[in-house]
């Protein structure tokens, strides 16, 4: 029969998990910032080409429609 981990082992496990998750969250935020910058560049490009984005569907609606198909 497997022995249950000690309290110190359990604490170490949870601390390690939180440390890993915090680093993952930081990386996710970094990626999100990059995506936001790229989206702004493309929006500006469309505006420079004369596309009126206020008459377009929000990108979220377009993506949701594609998921349903």
Protein backbone atom coordinates (compact mmCIF):
# COMPACT_ATOMS: atom_id res chain seq x y z
CA UNK A 1 0.00 0.00 0.00
CA UNK A 2 1.30 3.48 -0.90
CA UNK A 3 2.30 5.73 1.94
CA UNK A 4 0.55 9.11 2.09
CA UNK A 5 2.92 12.03 1.48
CA UNK A 6 4.02 13.97 4.54
CA UNK A 7 2.68 17.43 5.22
CA UNK A 8 6.00 18.96 4.11
CA UNK A 9 5.88 17.01 0.85
CA UNK A 10 2.32 18.18 0.22
CA UNK A 11 3.29 21.79 0.95
CA UNK A 12 6.23 21.50 -1.43
CA UNK A 13 4.00 20.02 -4.12
CA UNK A 14 1.45 22.84 -3.86
CA UNK A 15 4.13 25.56 -3.75
CA UNK A 16 5.80 24.09 -6.82
CA UNK A 17 2.50 23.93 -8.66
CA UNK A 18 1.72 27.56 -7.82
CA UNK A 19 5.17 28.66 -8.95
CA UNK A 20 4.76 26.85 -12.27
CA UNK A 21 1.27 28.24 -12.80
CA UNK A 22 2.44 31.79 -12.03
CA UNK A 23 5.14 31.47 -14.71
CA UNK A 24 2.59 30.07 -17.17
CA UNK A 25 0.29 33.01 -16.45
CA UNK A 26 3.12 35.47 -17.11
CA UNK A 27 3.88 33.80 -20.42
CA UNK A 28 0.21 33.83 -21.40
CA UNK A 29 0.00 37.55 -20.65
CA UNK A 30 3.13 38.17 -22.74
CA UNK A 31 1.59 36.28 -25.66
CA UNK A 32 -1.68 38.20 -25.26
CA UNK A 33 0.21 41.51 -25.42
CA UNK A 34 1.89 40.43 -28.65
CA UNK A 35 -1.47 39.41 -30.16
CA UNK A 36 -3.00 42.75 -29.15
CA UNK A 37 -0.11 44.64 -30.79
CA UNK A 38 -0.49 42.64 -34.00
CA UNK A 39 -4.24 43.23 -34.05
CA UNK A 40 -3.69 46.99 -33.66
CA UNK A 41 -1.25 46.94 -36.58
CA UNK A 42 -3.80 45.18 -38.79
CA UNK A 43 -6.62 47.50 -37.72
CA UNK A 44 -4.45 50.49 -38.59
CA UNK A 45 -3.57 48.89 -41.92
CA UNK A 46 -7.23 48.45 -42.76
CA UNK A 47 -8.04 52.00 -41.70
CA UNK A 48 -5.16 53.32 -43.85
CA UNK A 49 -6.73 51.45 -46.78
CA UNK A 50 -10.05 53.18 -46.15
CA UNK A 51 -11.93 50.30 -44.55
CA UNK A 52 -14.56 51.58 -42.11
CA UNK A 53 -14.34 49.08 -39.28
CA UNK A 54 -17.30 50.60 -37.45
CA UNK A 55 -19.56 49.05 -40.10
CA UNK A 56 -17.96 45.59 -39.69
CA UNK A 57 -18.97 42.86 -37.28
CA UNK A 58 -16.71 42.58 -34.24
CA UNK A 59 -14.02 39.94 -34.80
CA UNK A 60 -15.37 37.95 -31.85
CA UNK A 61 -18.70 37.45 -33.67
CA UNK A 62 -16.94 36.33 -36.83
CA UNK A 63 -14.84 33.83 -34.90
CA UNK A 64 -17.92 32.50 -33.06
CA UNK A 65 -19.72 31.99 -36.38
CA UNK A 66 -16.75 30.05 -37.77
CA UNK A 67 -16.71 27.79 -34.69
CA UNK A 68 -20.37 26.87 -35.24
CA UNK A 69 -19.75 25.73 -38.81
